[in-house]
Amino acid sequence: MYRIILFAEQVATQPGFGLQTLLIYALLFVGMWFLMIAPQRKKQKNHVKMIQELKAGDTVVTSSGIFGTIANVKDDRFVLKVAENTKIEIFKSYIQSKADKK
């Protein structure tokens, strides 16, 4: 414990340590923001926009891989028709993407 305190005192008394270290951490944070956080936020906004634009008759894929056609839109969920005479209700957030009708 005594050695750790001495080492911390030596590092803290080095000239220019605080400003240079702070600048490096700030640059790392900005880099992380542009490489990781900003693209994720953009992807999330696109997903929310896609869910808001879905309507009855659209074919979608859920996050668990189930294909279905939207039969009804409710406040917080969709009613999906997944087979003949088979409908399920799923939260809107579990829709992964809109499927092509090809």
PDB file of N, CA and C in Angstrom:
ATOM      1  N   MET A   1       0.833  -1.179   0.000  1.00  0.00           N
ATOM      2  CA  MET A   1       0.000   0.000   0.000  1.00  0.00           C
ATOM      3  C   MET A   1       0.879   1.245   0.000  1.00  0.00           C
ATOM      4  N   TYR A   2       1.961   1.206   0.782  1.00  0.00           N
ATOM      5  CA  TYR A   2       2.855   2.350   0.863  1.00  0.00           C
ATOM      6  C   TYR A   2       3.491   2.623  -0.494  1.00  0.00           C
ATOM      7  N   ARG A   3       3.884   1.567  -1.228  1.00  0.00           N
ATOM      8  CA  ARG A   3       4.507   1.748  -2.534  1.00  0.00           C
ATOM      9  C   ARG A   3       3.527   2.339  -3.543  1.00  0.00           C
ATOM     10  N   ILE A   4       2.260   1.959  -3.466  1.00  0.00           N
ATOM     11  CA  ILE A   4       1.263   2.484  -4.397  1.00  0.00           C
ATOM     12  C   ILE A   4       1.085   3.978  -4.186  1.00  0.00           C
ATOM     13  N   ILE A   5       1.068   4.416  -2.949  1.00  0.00           N
ATOM     14  CA  ILE A   5       0.916   5.838  -2.660  1.00  0.00           C
ATOM     15  C   ILE A   5       2.131   6.604  -3.168  1.00  0.00           C
ATOM     16  N   LEU A   6       3.328   6.082  -2.965  1.00  0.00           N
ATOM     17  CA  LEU A   6       4.519   6.753  -3.472  1.00  0.00           C
ATOM     18  C   LEU A   6       4.500   6.841  -4.988  1.00  0.00           C
ATOM     19  N   PHE A   7       4.096   5.764  -5.673  1.00  0.00           N
ATOM     20  CA  PHE A   7       4.030   5.775  -7.127  1.00  0.00           C
ATOM     21  C   PHE A   7       3.019   6.807  -7.614  1.00  0.00           C
ATOM     22  N   ALA A   8       1.861   6.891  -6.964  1.00  0.00           N
ATOM     23  CA  ALA A   8       0.832   7.860  -7.342  1.00  0.00           C
ATOM     24  C   ALA A   8       1.341   9.283  -7.151  1.00  0.00           C
ATOM     25  N   GLU A   9       2.101   9.524  -6.100  1.00  0.00           N
ATOM     26  CA  GLU A   9       2.653  10.852  -5.871  1.00  0.00           C
ATOM     27  C   GLU A   9       3.688  11.204  -6.930  1.00  0.00           C
ATOM     28  N   GLN A  10       4.510  10.232  -7.342  1.00  0.00           N
ATOM     29  CA  GLN A  10       5.509  10.485  -8.367  1.00  0.00           C
ATOM     30  C   GLN A  10       4.859  10.800  -9.706  1.00  0.00           C
ATOM     31  N   VAL A  11       3.827  10.046 -10.061  1.00  0.00           N
ATOM     32  CA  VAL A  11       3.134  10.272 -11.329  1.00  0.00           C
ATOM     33  C   VAL A  11       2.425  11.613 -11.320  1.00  0.00           C
ATOM     34  N   ALA A  12       1.790  11.953 -10.219  1.00  0.00           N
ATOM     35  CA  ALA A  12       1.039  13.197 -10.136  1.00  0.00           C
ATOM     36  C   ALA A  12       1.935  14.417 -10.164  1.00  0.00           C
ATOM     37  N   THR A  13       3.188  14.295  -9.745  1.00  0.00           N
ATOM     38  CA  THR A  13       4.084  15.452  -9.715  1.00  0.00           C
ATOM     39  C   THR A  13       4.849  15.633 -11.014  1.00  0.00           C
ATOM     40  N   GLN A  14       4.675  14.732 -11.997  1.00  0.00           N
ATOM     41  CA  GLN A  14       5.355  14.905 -13.276  1.00  0.00           C
ATOM     42  C   GLN A  14       4.728  16.089 -14.007  1.00  0.00           C
ATOM     43  N   PRO A  15       5.556  16.954 -14.609  1.00  0.00           N
ATOM     44  CA  PRO A  15       5.014  18.128 -15.293  1.00  0.00           C
ATOM     45  C   PRO A  15       4.231  17.734 -16.544  1.00  0.00           C
ATOM     46  N   GLY A  16       3.085  18.368 -16.754  1.00  0.00           N
ATOM     47  CA  GLY A  16       2.290  18.147 -17.945  1.00  0.00           C
ATOM     48  C   GLY A  16       1.466  16.876 -17.934  1.00  0.00           C
ATOM     49  N   PHE A  17       1.453  16.159 -16.868  1.00  0.00           N
ATOM     50  CA  PHE A  17       0.740  14.879 -16.813  1.00  0.00           C
ATOM     51  C   PHE A  17      -0.763  15.064 -16.948  1.00  0.00           C
ATOM     52  N   GLY A  18      -1.321  15.990 -16.231  1.00  0.00           N
ATOM     53  CA  GLY A  18      -2.771  16.159 -16.199  1.00  0.00           C
ATOM     54  C   GLY A  18      -3.365  16.604 -17.522  1.00  0.00           C
ATOM     55  N   LEU A  19      -2.813  17.601 -18.158  1.00  0.00           N
ATOM     56  CA  LEU A  19      -3.369  18.144 -19.397  1.00  0.00           C
ATOM     57  C   LEU A  19      -3.217  17.156 -20.548  1.00  0.00           C
ATOM     58  N   GLN A  20      -2.056  16.536 -20.668  1.00  0.00           N
ATOM     59  CA  GLN A  20      -1.840  15.568 -21.757  1.00  0.00           C
ATOM     60  C   GLN A  20      -2.751  14.354 -21.600  1.00  0.00           C
ATOM     61  N   THR A  21      -2.880  13.844 -20.407  1.00  0.00           N
ATOM     62  CA  THR A  21      -3.726  12.688 -20.158  1.00  0.00           C
ATOM     63  C   THR A  21      -5.189  13.021 -20.425  1.00  0.00           C
ATOM     64  N   LEU A  22      -5.616  14.176 -19.970  1.00  0.00           N
ATOM     65  CA  LEU A  22      -6.990  14.604 -20.206  1.00  0.00           C
ATOM     66  C   LEU A  22      -7.274  14.735 -21.696  1.00  0.00           C
ATOM     67  N   LEU A  23      -6.335  15.271 -22.447  1.00  0.00           N
ATOM     68  CA  LEU A  23      -6.494  15.419 -23.892  1.00  0.00           C
ATOM     69  C   LEU A  23      -6.582  14.061 -24.588  1.00  0.00           C
ATOM     70  N   ILE A  24      -5.767  13.122 -24.160  1.00  0.00           N
ATOM     71  CA  ILE A  24      -5.785  11.780 -24.754  1.00  0.00           C
ATOM     72  C   ILE A  24      -7.129  11.105 -24.471  1.00  0.00           C
ATOM     73  N   TYR A  25      -7.611  11.197 -23.239  1.00  0.00           N
ATOM     74  CA  TYR A  25      -8.904  10.588 -22.906  1.00  0.00           C
ATOM     75  C   TYR A  25     -10.037  11.248 -23.696  1.00  0.00           C
ATOM     76  N   ALA A  26      -9.976  12.555 -23.866  1.00  0.00           N
ATOM     77  CA  ALA A  26     -11.008  13.249 -24.639  1.00  0.00           C
ATOM     78  C   ALA A  26     -10.993  12.782 -26.094  1.00  0.00           C
ATOM     79  N   LEU A  27      -9.823  12.632 -26.678  1.00  0.00           N
ATOM     80  CA  LEU A  27      -9.728  12.164 -28.059  1.00  0.00           C
ATOM     81  C   LEU A  27     -10.217  10.719 -28.198  1.00  0.00           C
ATOM     82  N   LEU A  28      -9.912   9.882 -27.221  1.00  0.00           N
ATOM     83  CA  LEU A  28     -10.412   8.507 -27.240  1.00  0.00           C
ATOM     84  C   LEU A  28     -11.934   8.472 -27.154  1.00  0.00           C
ATOM     85  N   PHE A  29     -12.505   9.313 -26.322  1.00  0.00           N
ATOM     86  CA  PHE A  29     -13.958   9.361 -26.190  1.00  0.00           C
ATOM     87  C   PHE A  29     -14.614   9.822 -27.488  1.00  0.00           C
ATOM     88  N   VAL A  30     -14.064  10.839 -28.110  1.00  0.00           N
ATOM     89  CA  VAL A  30     -14.613  11.331 -29.376  1.00  0.00           C
ATOM     90  C   VAL A  30     -14.505  10.250 -30.454  1.00  0.00           C
ATOM     91  N   GLY A  31     -13.384   9.558 -30.501  1.00  0.00           N
ATOM     92  CA  GLY A  31     -13.223   8.477 -31.460  1.00  0.00           C
ATOM     93  C   GLY A  31     -14.225   7.353 -31.232  1.00  0.00           C
ATOM     94  N   MET A  32     -14.420   6.972 -29.985  1.00  0.00           N
ATOM     95  CA  MET A  32     -15.395   5.932 -29.665  1.00  0.00           C
ATOM     96  C   MET A  32     -16.806   6.375 -30.059  1.00  0.00           C
ATOM     97  N   TRP A  33     -17.095   7.651 -29.862  1.00  0.00           N
ATOM     98  CA  TRP A  33     -18.413   8.166 -30.205  1.00  0.00           C
ATOM     99  C   TRP A  33     -18.677   7.998 -31.703  1.00  0.00           C
ATOM    100  N   PHE A  34     -17.732   8.428 -32.525  1.00  0.00           N
ATOM    101  CA  PHE A  34     -17.950   8.378 -33.969  1.00  0.00           C
ATOM    102  C   PHE A  34     -17.868   6.962 -34.528  1.00  0.00           C
ATOM    103  N   LEU A  35     -17.145   6.078 -33.890  1.00  0.00           N
ATOM    104  CA  LEU A  35     -17.006   4.728 -34.405  1.00  0.00           C
ATOM    105  C   LEU A  35     -18.067   3.759 -33.893  1.00  0.00           C
ATOM    106  N   MET A  36     -18.626   4.017 -32.714  1.00  0.00           N
ATOM    107  CA  MET A  36     -19.542   3.043 -32.126  1.00  0.00           C
ATOM    108  C   MET A  36     -20.921   3.613 -31.796  1.00  0.00           C
ATOM    109  N   ILE A  37     -20.977   4.698 -31.096  1.00  0.00           N
ATOM    110  CA  ILE A  37     -22.248   5.183 -30.572  1.00  0.00           C
ATOM    111  C   ILE A  37     -23.097   5.847 -31.659  1.00  0.00           C
ATOM    112  N   ALA A  38     -22.515   6.701 -32.470  1.00  0.00           N
ATOM    113  CA  ALA A  38     -23.282   7.400 -33.501  1.00  0.00           C
ATOM    114  C   ALA A  38     -23.905   6.445 -34.518  1.00  0.00           C
ATOM    115  N   PRO A  39     -23.181   5.453 -35.051  1.00  0.00           N
ATOM    116  CA  PRO A  39     -23.833   4.516 -35.982  1.00  0.00           C
ATOM    117  C   PRO A  39     -24.953   3.705 -35.334  1.00  0.00           C
ATOM    118  N   GLN A  40     -24.788   3.349 -34.077  1.00  0.00           N
ATOM    119  CA  GLN A  40     -25.827   2.586 -33.386  1.00  0.00           C
ATOM    120  C   GLN A  40     -27.087   3.423 -33.213  1.00  0.00           C
ATOM    121  N   ARG A  41     -26.941   4.690 -32.894  1.00  0.00           N
ATOM    122  CA  ARG A  41     -28.094   5.575 -32.745  1.00  0.00           C
ATOM    123  C   ARG A  41     -28.813   5.754 -34.080  1.00  0.00           C
ATOM    124  N   LYS A  42     -28.037   5.871 -35.158  1.00  0.00           N
ATOM    125  CA  LYS A  42     -28.630   6.015 -36.493  1.00  0.00           C
ATOM    126  C   LYS A  42     -29.420   4.761 -36.857  1.00  0.00           C
ATOM    127  N   LYS A  43     -28.872   3.587 -36.567  1.00  0.00           N
ATOM    128  CA  LYS A  43     -29.544   2.331 -36.847  1.00  0.00           C
ATOM    129  C   LYS A  43     -30.839   2.227 -36.030  1.00  0.00           C
ATOM    130  N   GLN A  44     -30.799   2.650 -34.781  1.00  0.00           N
ATOM    131  CA  GLN A  44     -31.979   2.599 -33.925  1.00  0.00           C
ATOM    132  C   GLN A  44     -33.068   3.537 -34.442  1.00  0.00           C
ATOM    133  N   LYS A  45     -32.699   4.729 -34.894  1.00  0.00           N
ATOM    134  CA  LYS A  45     -33.684   5.665 -35.440  1.00  0.00           C
ATOM    135  C   LYS A  45     -34.330   5.104 -36.700  1.00  0.00           C
ATOM    136  N   ASN A  46     -33.535   4.460 -37.566  1.00  0.00           N
ATOM    137  CA  ASN A  46     -34.085   3.851 -38.774  1.00  0.00           C
ATOM    138  C   ASN A  46     -35.049   2.724 -38.431  1.00  0.00           C
ATOM    139  N   HIS A  47     -34.733   1.937 -37.392  1.00  0.00           N
ATOM    140  CA  HIS A  47     -35.601   0.837 -36.972  1.00  0.00           C
ATOM    141  C   HIS A  47     -36.931   1.372 -36.442  1.00  0.00           C
ATOM    142  N   VAL A  48     -36.895   2.412 -35.642  1.00  0.00           N
ATOM    143  CA  VAL A  48     -38.118   3.009 -35.101  1.00  0.00           C
ATOM    144  C   VAL A  48     -38.969   3.567 -36.240  1.00  0.00           C
ATOM    145  N   LYS A  49     -38.331   4.222 -37.214  1.00  0.00           N
ATOM    146  CA  LYS A  49     -39.053   4.769 -38.364  1.00  0.00           C
ATOM    147  C   LYS A  49     -39.712   3.649 -39.165  1.00  0.00           C
ATOM    148  N   MET A  50     -38.997   2.546 -39.382  1.00  0.00           N
ATOM    149  CA  MET A  50     -39.537   1.416 -40.124  1.00  0.00           C
ATOM    150  C   MET A  50     -40.758   0.834 -39.412  1.00  0.00           C
ATOM    151  N   ILE A  51     -40.692   0.690 -38.091  1.00  0.00           N
ATOM    152  CA  ILE A  51     -41.817   0.142 -37.329  1.00  0.00           C
ATOM    153  C   ILE A  51     -43.029   1.066 -37.394  1.00  0.00           C
ATOM    154  N   GLN A  52     -42.799   2.370 -37.348  1.00  0.00           N
ATOM    155  CA  GLN A  52     -43.904   3.323 -37.408  1.00  0.00           C
ATOM    156  C   GLN A  52     -44.594   3.313 -38.771  1.00  0.00           C
ATOM    157  N   GLU A  53     -43.860   2.962 -39.819  1.00  0.00           N
ATOM    158  CA  GLU A  53     -44.418   2.959 -41.173  1.00  0.00           C
ATOM    159  C   GLU A  53     -45.110   1.650 -41.538  1.00  0.00           C
ATOM    160  N   LEU A  54     -44.994   0.614 -40.702  1.00  0.00           N
ATOM    161  CA  LEU A  54     -45.625  -0.665 -41.004  1.00  0.00           C
ATOM    162  C   LEU A  54     -47.139  -0.548 -40.903  1.00  0.00           C
ATOM    163  N   LYS A  55     -47.817  -1.282 -41.786  1.00  0.00           N
ATOM    164  CA  LYS A  55     -49.275  -1.264 -41.797  1.00  0.00           C
ATOM    165  C   LYS A  55     -49.789  -2.663 -42.080  1.00  0.00           C
ATOM    166  N   ALA A  56     -51.087  -2.853 -41.973  1.00  0.00           N
ATOM    167  CA  ALA A  56     -51.692  -4.161 -42.228  1.00  0.00           C
ATOM    168  C   ALA A  56     -51.392  -4.585 -43.673  1.00  0.00           C
ATOM    169  N   GLY A  57     -51.009  -5.850 -43.820  1.00  0.00           N
ATOM    170  CA  GLY A  57     -50.686  -6.384 -45.144  1.00  0.00           C
ATOM    171  C   GLY A  57     -49.198  -6.475 -45.425  1.00  0.00           C
ATOM    172  N   ASP A  58     -48.369  -5.813 -44.622  1.00  0.00           N
ATOM    173  CA  ASP A  58     -46.918  -5.881 -44.801  1.00  0.00           C
ATOM    174  C   ASP A  58     -46.386  -7.211 -44.280  1.00  0.00           C
ATOM    175  N   THR A  59     -45.414  -7.764 -44.992  1.00  0.00           N
ATOM    176  CA  THR A  59     -44.763  -8.995 -44.553  1.00  0.00           C
ATOM    177  C   THR A  59     -43.517  -8.623 -43.766  1.00  0.00           C
ATOM    178  N   VAL A  60     -43.348  -9.220 -42.579  1.00  0.00           N
ATOM    179  CA  VAL A  60     -42.236  -8.877 -41.697  1.00  0.00           C
ATOM    180  C   VAL A  60     -41.531 -10.132 -41.203  1.00  0.00           C
ATOM    181  N   VAL A  61     -40.340  -9.925 -40.658  1.00  0.00           N
ATOM    182  CA  VAL A  61     -39.569 -10.984 -40.009  1.00  0.00           C
ATOM    183  C   VAL A  61     -39.362 -10.560 -38.565  1.00  0.00           C
ATOM    184  N   THR A  62     -39.667 -11.456 -37.621  1.00  0.00           N
ATOM    185  CA  THR A  62     -39.459 -11.145 -36.212  1.00  0.00           C
ATOM    186  C   THR A  62     -38.003 -11.422 -35.837  1.00  0.00           C
ATOM    187  N   SER A  63     -37.623 -10.993 -34.651  1.00  0.00           N
ATOM    188  CA  SER A  63     -36.247 -11.212 -34.196  1.00  0.00           C
ATOM    189  C   SER A  63     -35.963 -12.690 -33.952  1.00  0.00           C
ATOM    190  N   SER A  64     -36.989 -13.515 -33.816  1.00  0.00           N
ATOM    191  CA  SER A  64     -36.787 -14.949 -33.648  1.00  0.00           C
ATOM    192  C   SER A  64     -36.839 -15.693 -34.976  1.00  0.00           C
ATOM    193  N   GLY A  65     -37.024 -14.967 -36.084  1.00  0.00           N
ATOM    194  CA  GLY A  65     -36.982 -15.574 -37.407  1.00  0.00           C
ATOM    195  C   GLY A  65     -38.318 -16.008 -37.952  1.00  0.00           C
ATOM    196  N   ILE A  66     -39.406 -15.603 -37.361  1.00  0.00           N
ATOM    197  CA  ILE A  66     -40.732 -15.979 -37.838  1.00  0.00           C
ATOM    198  C   ILE A  66     -41.186 -14.985 -38.905  1.00  0.00           C
ATOM    199  N   PHE A  67     -41.593 -15.505 -40.049  1.00  0.00           N
ATOM    200  CA  PHE A  67     -42.157 -14.674 -41.101  1.00  0.00           C
ATOM    201  C   PHE A  67     -43.659 -14.595 -40.894  1.00  0.00           C
ATOM    202  N   GLY A  68     -44.223 -13.424 -41.123  1.00  0.00           N
ATOM    203  CA  GLY A  68     -45.659 -13.271 -40.976  1.00  0.00           C
ATOM    204  C   GLY A  68     -46.150 -12.030 -41.684  1.00  0.00           C
ATOM    205  N   THR A  69     -47.448 -11.967 -41.865  1.00  0.00           N
ATOM    206  CA  THR A  69     -48.092 -10.812 -42.483  1.00  0.00           C
ATOM    207  C   THR A  69     -48.886 -10.094 -41.402  1.00  0.00           C
ATOM    208  N   ILE A  70     -48.755  -8.791 -41.345  1.00  0.00           N
ATOM    209  CA  ILE A  70     -49.454  -8.009 -40.328  1.00  0.00           C
ATOM    210  C   ILE A  70     -50.949  -8.021 -40.648  1.00  0.00           C
ATOM    211  N   ALA A  71     -51.733  -8.518 -39.709  1.00  0.00           N
ATOM    212  CA  ALA A  71     -53.184  -8.568 -39.873  1.00  0.00           C
ATOM    213  C   ALA A  71     -53.852  -7.369 -39.204  1.00  0.00           C
ATOM    214  N   ASN A  72     -53.265  -6.901 -38.107  1.00  0.00           N
ATOM    215  CA  ASN A  72     -53.860  -5.805 -37.348  1.00  0.00           C
ATOM    216  C   ASN A  72     -52.748  -5.067 -36.607  1.00  0.00           C
ATOM    217  N   VAL A  73     -52.919  -3.756 -36.465  1.00  0.00           N
ATOM    218  CA  VAL A  73     -51.947  -2.937 -35.736  1.00  0.00           C
ATOM    219  C   VAL A  73     -52.625  -2.423 -34.464  1.00  0.00           C
ATOM    220  N   LYS A  74     -52.022  -2.701 -33.314  1.00  0.00           N
ATOM    221  CA  LYS A  74     -52.517  -2.205 -32.032  1.00  0.00           C
ATOM    222  C   LYS A  74     -51.535  -1.164 -31.507  1.00  0.00           C
ATOM    223  N   ASP A  75     -51.813  -0.630 -30.322  1.00  0.00           N
ATOM    224  CA  ASP A  75     -50.966   0.428 -29.766  1.00  0.00           C
ATOM    225  C   ASP A  75     -49.507   0.007 -29.625  1.00  0.00           C
ATOM    226  N   ASP A  76     -49.271  -1.115 -28.952  1.00  0.00           N
ATOM    227  CA  ASP A  76     -47.901  -1.528 -28.662  1.00  0.00           C
ATOM    228  C   ASP A  76     -47.521  -2.862 -29.284  1.00  0.00           C
ATOM    229  N   ARG A  77     -48.386  -3.416 -30.129  1.00  0.00           N
ATOM    230  CA  ARG A  77     -48.075  -4.725 -30.722  1.00  0.00           C
ATOM    231  C   ARG A  77     -48.760  -4.878 -32.076  1.00  0.00           C
ATOM    232  N   PHE A  78     -48.314  -5.898 -32.794  1.00  0.00           N
ATOM    233  CA  PHE A  78     -48.898  -6.274 -34.071  1.00  0.00           C
ATOM    234  C   PHE A  78     -49.563  -7.636 -33.928  1.00  0.00           C
ATOM    235  N   VAL A  79     -50.592  -7.868 -34.706  1.00  0.00           N
ATOM    236  CA  VAL A  79     -51.179  -9.200 -34.832  1.00  0.00           C
ATOM    237  C   VAL A  79     -50.667  -9.735 -36.163  1.00  0.00           C
ATOM    238  N   LEU A  80     -49.882 -10.826 -36.095  1.00  0.00           N
ATOM    239  CA  LEU A  80     -49.284 -11.414 -37.294  1.00  0.00           C
ATOM    240  C   LEU A  80     -50.024 -12.673 -37.694  1.00  0.00           C
ATOM    241  N   LYS A  81     -50.252 -12.797 -38.985  1.00  0.00           N
ATOM    242  CA  LYS A  81     -50.794 -14.044 -39.516  1.00  0.00           C
ATOM    243  C   LYS A  81     -49.593 -14.838 -39.999  1.00  0.00           C
ATOM    244  N   VAL A  82     -49.322 -15.957 -39.333  1.00  0.00           N
ATOM    245  CA  VAL A  82     -48.131 -16.748 -39.650  1.00  0.00           C
ATOM    246  C   VAL A  82     -48.460 -17.989 -40.465  1.00  0.00           C
ATOM    247  N   ALA A  83     -49.723 -18.413 -40.456  1.00  0.00           N
ATOM    248  CA  ALA A  83     -50.177 -19.557 -41.247  1.00  0.00           C
ATOM    249  C   ALA A  83     -51.684 -19.416 -41.421  1.00  0.00           C
ATOM    250  N   GLU A  84     -52.268 -20.298 -42.186  1.00  0.00           N
ATOM    251  CA  GLU A  84     -53.714 -20.276 -42.378  1.00  0.00           C
ATOM    252  C   GLU A  84     -54.403 -20.482 -41.029  1.00  0.00           C
ATOM    253  N   ASN A  85     -55.283 -19.565 -40.674  1.00  0.00           N
ATOM    254  CA  ASN A  85     -56.036 -19.598 -39.401  1.00  0.00           C
ATOM    255  C   ASN A  85     -55.133 -19.554 -38.168  1.00  0.00           C
ATOM    256  N   THR A  86     -53.914 -19.038 -38.291  1.00  0.00           N
ATOM    257  CA  THR A  86     -53.008 -18.926 -37.147  1.00  0.00           C
ATOM    258  C   THR A  86     -52.504 -17.490 -37.038  1.00  0.00           C
ATOM    259  N   LYS A  87     -52.864 -16.844 -35.944  1.00  0.00           N
ATOM    260  CA  LYS A  87     -52.421 -15.466 -35.699  1.00  0.00           C
ATOM    261  C   LYS A  87     -51.742 -15.401 -34.341  1.00  0.00           C
ATOM    262  N   ILE A  88     -50.720 -14.557 -34.257  1.00  0.00           N
ATOM    263  CA  ILE A  88     -50.027 -14.332 -32.991  1.00  0.00           C
ATOM    264  C   ILE A  88     -49.904 -12.840 -32.764  1.00  0.00           C
ATOM    265  N   GLU A  89     -49.810 -12.455 -31.513  1.00  0.00           N
ATOM    266  CA  GLU A  89     -49.559 -11.056 -31.170  1.00  0.00           C
ATOM    267  C   GLU A  89     -48.114 -10.927 -30.741  1.00  0.00           C
ATOM    268  N   ILE A  90     -47.467  -9.873 -31.216  1.00  0.00           N
ATOM    269  CA  ILE A  90     -46.049  -9.665 -30.916  1.00  0.00           C
ATOM    270  C   ILE A  90     -45.818  -8.177 -30.673  1.00  0.00           C
ATOM    271  N   PHE A  91     -44.969  -7.870 -29.700  1.00  0.00           N
ATOM    272  CA  PHE A  91     -44.620  -6.467 -29.447  1.00  0.00           C
ATOM    273  C   PHE A  91     -43.941  -5.875 -30.676  1.00  0.00           C
ATOM    274  N   LYS A  92     -44.167  -4.596 -30.887  1.00  0.00           N
ATOM    275  CA  LYS A  92     -43.592  -3.926 -32.052  1.00  0.00           C
ATOM    276  C   LYS A  92     -42.066  -3.975 -32.051  1.00  0.00           C
ATOM    277  N   SER A  93     -41.470  -3.949 -30.883  1.00  0.00           N
ATOM    278  CA  SER A  93     -40.011  -3.921 -30.805  1.00  0.00           C
ATOM    279  C   SER A  93     -39.369  -5.233 -31.247  1.00  0.00           C
ATOM    280  N   TYR A  94     -40.155  -6.320 -31.348  1.00  0.00           N
ATOM    281  CA  TYR A  94     -39.603  -7.609 -31.766  1.00  0.00           C
ATOM    282  C   TYR A  94     -39.637  -7.810 -33.277  1.00  0.00           C
ATOM    283  N   ILE A  95     -40.089  -6.820 -34.017  1.00  0.00           N
ATOM    284  CA  ILE A  95     -40.024  -6.887 -35.475  1.00  0.00           C
ATOM    285  C   ILE A  95     -38.610  -6.507 -35.882  1.00  0.00           C
ATOM    286  N   GLN A  96     -37.957  -7.399 -36.621  1.00  0.00           N
ATOM    287  CA  GLN A  96     -36.576  -7.146 -37.026  1.00  0.00           C
ATOM    288  C   GLN A  96     -36.516  -6.350 -38.321  1.00  0.00           C
ATOM    289  N   SER A  97     -37.281  -6.775 -39.321  1.00  0.00           N
ATOM    290  CA  SER A  97     -37.229  -6.087 -40.609  1.00  0.00           C
ATOM    291  C   SER A  97     -38.487  -6.367 -41.411  1.00  0.00           C
ATOM    292  N   LYS A  98     -38.626  -5.601 -42.450  1.00  0.00           N
ATOM    293  CA  LYS A  98     -39.715  -5.797 -43.395  1.00  0.00           C
ATOM    294  C   LYS A  98     -39.201  -6.751 -44.464  1.00  0.00           C
ATOM    295  N   ALA A  99     -39.974  -7.797 -44.765  1.00  0.00           N
ATOM    296  CA  ALA A  99     -39.529  -8.800 -45.731  1.00  0.00           C
ATOM    297  C   ALA A  99     -39.991  -8.417 -47.126  1.00  0.00           C
ATOM    298  N   ASP A 100     -39.193  -8.802 -48.113  1.00  0.00           N
ATOM    299  CA  ASP A 100     -39.583  -8.578 -49.506  1.00  0.00           C
ATOM    300  C   ASP A 100     -40.687  -9.547 -49.880  1.00  0.00           C
ATOM    301  N   LYS A 101     -41.538  -9.129 -50.776  1.00  0.00           N
ATOM    302  CA  LYS A 101     -42.649 -10.006 -51.184  1.00  0.00           C
ATOM    303  C   LYS A 101     -42.226 -10.933 -52.322  1.00  0.00           C
ATOM    304  N   LYS A 102     -40.973 -10.990 -52.647  1.00  0.00           N
ATOM    305  CA  LYS A 102     -40.498 -11.837 -53.744  1.00  0.00           C
ATOM    306  C   LYS A 102     -40.576 -13.294 -53.385  1.00  0.00           C
TER     307      LYS A 102
END
